[in-house]
Amino acid sequence: MKTKNRLSFALFVTCLSIITACAVRDYYVKPGIDFSRFRRAAVLPLTPPPEVGKDQTGGLSEGISDIIGTQLLKRGWDVVERARIKSIFEERSLELTQVPIGKNLVEIQNILNVDCFVTGAITEWRSPVKGRVRGAVGLTVKIYNARTGELVWSGSGSKNISSTFGASLSKHAQEIIKRLCEDIPSR
């Protein structure tokens, strides 16, 4: 009898862990947008989450942007090298995590020869603390038309994490990004 109760409890805990660790995602596509026109993207660093210290934000934002760039490459997009984007934004004293507007939008779009800017935010980045605090990864990714500056696609995903056993927060972020990129309409 005790063995049966232990097995039932183990099954319950396993199912609960799977349910609470599931990723949730949602996305929006602007009606009438022809994604076949978007061939080349400038992926900007994502805005970091407030709970991450300033000394860690640059590497985290750039790392997540690299994961997005890799997923876009896998889907057949051309992605501009991050160093080139950074150099051009710095020359114009522009914030690297924001899509340029007005005259800067047209100028940078022409220099980089891009069809869209990809940016977003890391909304959550928290490691679980054993037995006390659940971890979480949350991301929002946005695609802007480089010619008009209008938002044409937006997706967000999050995942609660009960333990990092076997997977880092970056690995969970990679999974969320991969699923979000699957939601981007085909080119």
Protein backbone atom coordinates (compact mmCIF):
# COMPACT_ATOMS: atom_id res chain seq x y z
CA MET A 1 0.00 0.00 0.00
CA LYS A 2 2.82 2.40 0.89
CA THR A 3 4.50 1.72 -2.44
CA LYS A 4 1.29 2.54 -4.31
CA ASN A 5 0.90 5.82 -2.37
CA ARG A 6 4.53 6.75 -3.08
CA LEU A 7 4.09 6.03 -6.79
CA SER A 8 0.87 8.06 -6.87
CA PHE A 9 2.57 10.94 -5.10
CA ALA A 10 5.59 10.77 -7.45
CA LEU A 11 3.27 10.80 -10.47
CA PHE A 12 1.35 13.75 -9.01
CA VAL A 13 4.57 15.75 -8.41
CA THR A 14 5.84 14.95 -11.92
CA CYS A 15 2.57 16.05 -13.54
CA LEU A 16 2.46 19.20 -11.43
CA SER A 17 6.04 20.07 -12.42
CA ILE A 18 5.25 19.60 -16.09
CA ILE A 19 2.10 21.71 -15.90
CA THR A 20 3.73 24.57 -13.97
CA ALA A 21 6.81 24.60 -16.21
CA CYS A 22 4.89 24.92 -19.47
CA ALA A 23 5.62 27.90 -21.66
CA VAL A 24 2.83 30.28 -22.58
CA ARG A 25 2.99 32.38 -25.74
CA ASP A 26 0.83 34.78 -27.67
CA TYR A 27 1.35 36.84 -30.82
CA TYR A 28 -0.21 39.45 -33.09
CA VAL A 29 0.22 39.95 -36.85
CA LYS A 30 -0.89 43.23 -38.39
CA PRO A 31 -3.54 42.38 -41.01
CA GLY A 32 -2.51 42.85 -44.64
CA ILE A 33 1.25 42.75 -44.06
CA ASP A 34 3.18 40.80 -46.70
CA PHE A 35 6.02 39.12 -44.81
CA SER A 36 7.60 37.92 -48.05
CA ARG A 37 9.01 41.47 -48.35
CA PHE A 38 10.98 41.11 -45.12
CA ARG A 39 14.26 39.52 -46.14
CA ARG A 40 16.85 41.41 -44.09
CA ALA A 41 16.55 42.29 -40.39
CA ALA A 42 18.45 44.39 -37.89
CA VAL A 43 18.04 42.67 -34.52
CA LEU A 44 18.49 45.21 -31.72
CA PRO A 45 19.36 44.28 -28.13
CA LEU A 46 16.28 43.70 -26.02
CA THR A 47 15.45 45.96 -23.10
CA PRO A 48 16.69 44.15 -19.98
CA PRO A 49 14.47 43.24 -17.04
CA PRO A 50 14.55 45.46 -13.97
CA GLU A 51 15.54 42.60 -11.64
CA VAL A 52 18.89 42.04 -13.38
CA GLY A 53 21.84 44.12 -12.19
CA LYS A 54 23.28 46.76 -14.54
CA ASP A 55 26.58 44.85 -14.75
CA GLN A 56 24.76 41.88 -16.34
CA THR A 57 22.24 43.61 -18.63
CA GLY A 58 24.43 44.17 -21.70
CA GLY A 59 25.51 40.57 -22.07
CA LEU A 60 22.03 39.29 -21.34
CA SER A 61 20.32 41.61 -23.85
CA GLU A 62 22.85 40.88 -26.57
CA GLY A 63 22.76 37.13 -25.89
CA ILE A 64 18.98 36.98 -26.21
CA SER A 65 19.18 39.10 -29.39
CA ASP A 66 21.70 36.63 -30.80
CA ILE A 67 19.29 33.77 -30.13
CA ILE A 68 16.56 35.67 -32.02
CA GLY A 69 19.00 36.32 -34.90
CA THR A 70 19.88 32.63 -35.08
CA GLN A 71 16.21 31.62 -35.24
CA LEU A 72 15.57 34.17 -38.00
CA LEU A 73 18.57 32.84 -39.96
CA LYS A 74 17.13 29.33 -39.64
CA ARG A 75 13.90 30.66 -41.17
CA GLY A 76 15.75 32.07 -44.20
CA TRP A 77 16.21 35.71 -43.15
CA ASP A 78 19.39 37.74 -43.57
CA VAL A 79 20.48 39.29 -40.28
CA VAL A 80 22.78 42.31 -40.01
CA GLU A 81 25.86 41.81 -37.83
CA ARG A 82 25.40 43.29 -34.34
CA ALA A 83 28.70 45.25 -34.42
CA ARG A 84 27.60 47.07 -37.59
CA ILE A 85 24.25 48.03 -36.05
CA LYS A 86 25.94 49.20 -32.84
CA SER A 87 28.45 51.33 -34.76
CA ILE A 88 25.77 53.10 -36.81
CA PHE A 89 23.54 53.76 -33.81
CA GLU A 90 26.48 55.12 -31.79
CA GLU A 91 27.52 57.45 -34.63
CA ARG A 92 24.07 59.03 -34.43
CA SER A 93 23.82 58.95 -30.60
CA LEU A 94 20.72 56.73 -30.78
CA GLU A 95 19.52 54.34 -28.10
CA LEU A 96 20.43 50.85 -29.31
CA THR A 97 17.35 49.17 -27.82
CA GLN A 98 14.85 51.46 -29.57
CA VAL A 99 13.66 51.52 -33.16
CA PRO A 100 14.74 54.81 -34.77
CA ILE A 101 12.04 57.29 -35.77
CA GLY A 102 11.62 60.03 -38.34
CA LYS A 103 14.68 61.02 -40.34
CA ASN A 104 16.86 58.54 -38.42
CA LEU A 105 14.57 55.67 -39.41
CA VAL A 106 14.97 56.33 -43.14
CA GLU A 107 18.70 57.01 -42.84
CA ILE A 108 19.50 53.86 -40.86
CA GLN A 109 17.18 51.74 -42.98
CA ASN A 110 19.10 52.87 -46.08
CA ILE A 111 22.57 52.42 -44.55
CA LEU A 112 21.83 48.92 -43.22
CA ASN A 113 19.64 48.01 -46.19
CA VAL A 114 17.10 46.36 -43.89
CA ASP A 115 13.42 45.63 -44.32
CA CYS A 116 12.67 45.45 -40.61
CA PHE A 117 13.94 46.09 -37.11
CA VAL A 118 13.48 43.41 -34.47
CA THR A 119 13.50 44.43 -30.83
CA GLY A 120 11.62 43.78 -27.63
CA ALA A 121 12.11 43.25 -23.92
CA ILE A 122 13.16 40.65 -21.43
CA THR A 123 10.18 40.94 -19.11
CA GLU A 124 11.31 38.36 -16.53
CA TRP A 125 14.64 36.72 -15.73
CA ARG A 126 14.60 35.01 -12.38
CA SER A 127 16.31 31.82 -11.25
CA PRO A 128 14.35 29.53 -8.96
CA VAL A 129 15.46 29.31 -5.35
CA LYS A 130 15.15 25.75 -4.11
CA GLY A 131 11.98 25.27 -2.12
CA ARG A 132 11.10 28.98 -1.93
CA VAL A 133 10.85 30.98 -5.12
CA ARG A 134 9.79 29.95 -8.61
CA GLY A 135 11.96 31.09 -11.46
CA ALA A 136 10.64 32.66 -14.62
CA VAL A 137 11.70 33.71 -18.09
CA GLY A 138 9.54 36.18 -20.02
CA LEU A 139 10.22 37.76 -23.42
CA THR A 140 8.48 40.10 -25.83
CA VAL A 141 9.70 40.31 -29.43
CA LYS A 142 8.51 42.97 -31.91
CA ILE A 143 9.09 43.44 -35.63
CA TYR A 144 8.83 46.93 -37.11
CA ASN A 145 8.66 47.80 -40.80
CA ALA A 146 11.95 49.63 -41.49
CA ARG A 147 10.38 51.88 -44.12
CA THR A 148 7.40 53.09 -42.10
CA GLY A 149 8.31 52.34 -38.48
CA GLU A 150 4.98 50.61 -37.91
CA LEU A 151 4.70 47.57 -35.67
CA VAL A 152 3.82 44.58 -37.89
CA TRP A 153 4.33 41.61 -35.55
CA SER A 154 4.51 41.21 -31.80
CA GLY A 155 4.88 38.07 -29.76
CA SER A 156 5.42 37.29 -26.12
CA GLY A 157 6.21 34.16 -24.24
CA SER A 158 6.89 33.20 -20.67
CA LYS A 159 7.77 30.15 -18.70
CA ASN A 160 7.62 29.46 -14.97
CA ILE A 161 10.47 27.32 -13.79
CA SER A 162 10.36 25.18 -10.68
CA SER A 163 13.98 24.11 -11.00
CA THR A 164 16.89 24.68 -13.35
CA PHE A 165 17.84 21.03 -13.15
CA GLY A 166 19.12 20.19 -16.61
CA ALA A 167 18.47 23.59 -18.20
CA SER A 168 19.74 27.13 -17.70
CA LEU A 169 17.55 30.23 -17.96
CA SER A 170 19.13 30.85 -21.39
CA LYS A 171 18.03 27.41 -22.54
CA HIS A 172 14.45 28.20 -21.48
CA ALA A 173 14.68 31.56 -23.31
CA GLN A 174 15.93 29.75 -26.41
CA GLU A 175 12.89 27.47 -26.31
CA ILE A 176 10.50 30.43 -25.98
CA ILE A 177 12.19 32.30 -28.85
CA LYS A 178 12.16 29.25 -31.10
CA ARG A 179 8.42 28.84 -30.57
CA LEU A 180 7.77 32.56 -31.04
CA CYS A 181 9.72 32.60 -34.31
CA GLU A 182 7.60 29.70 -35.55
CA ASP A 183 4.65 32.10 -35.23
CA ILE A 184 6.19 34.68 -37.58
CA PRO A 185 4.47 34.35 -40.97
CA SER A 186 6.53 32.72 -43.69
CA ARG A 187 8.50 34.90 -46.03
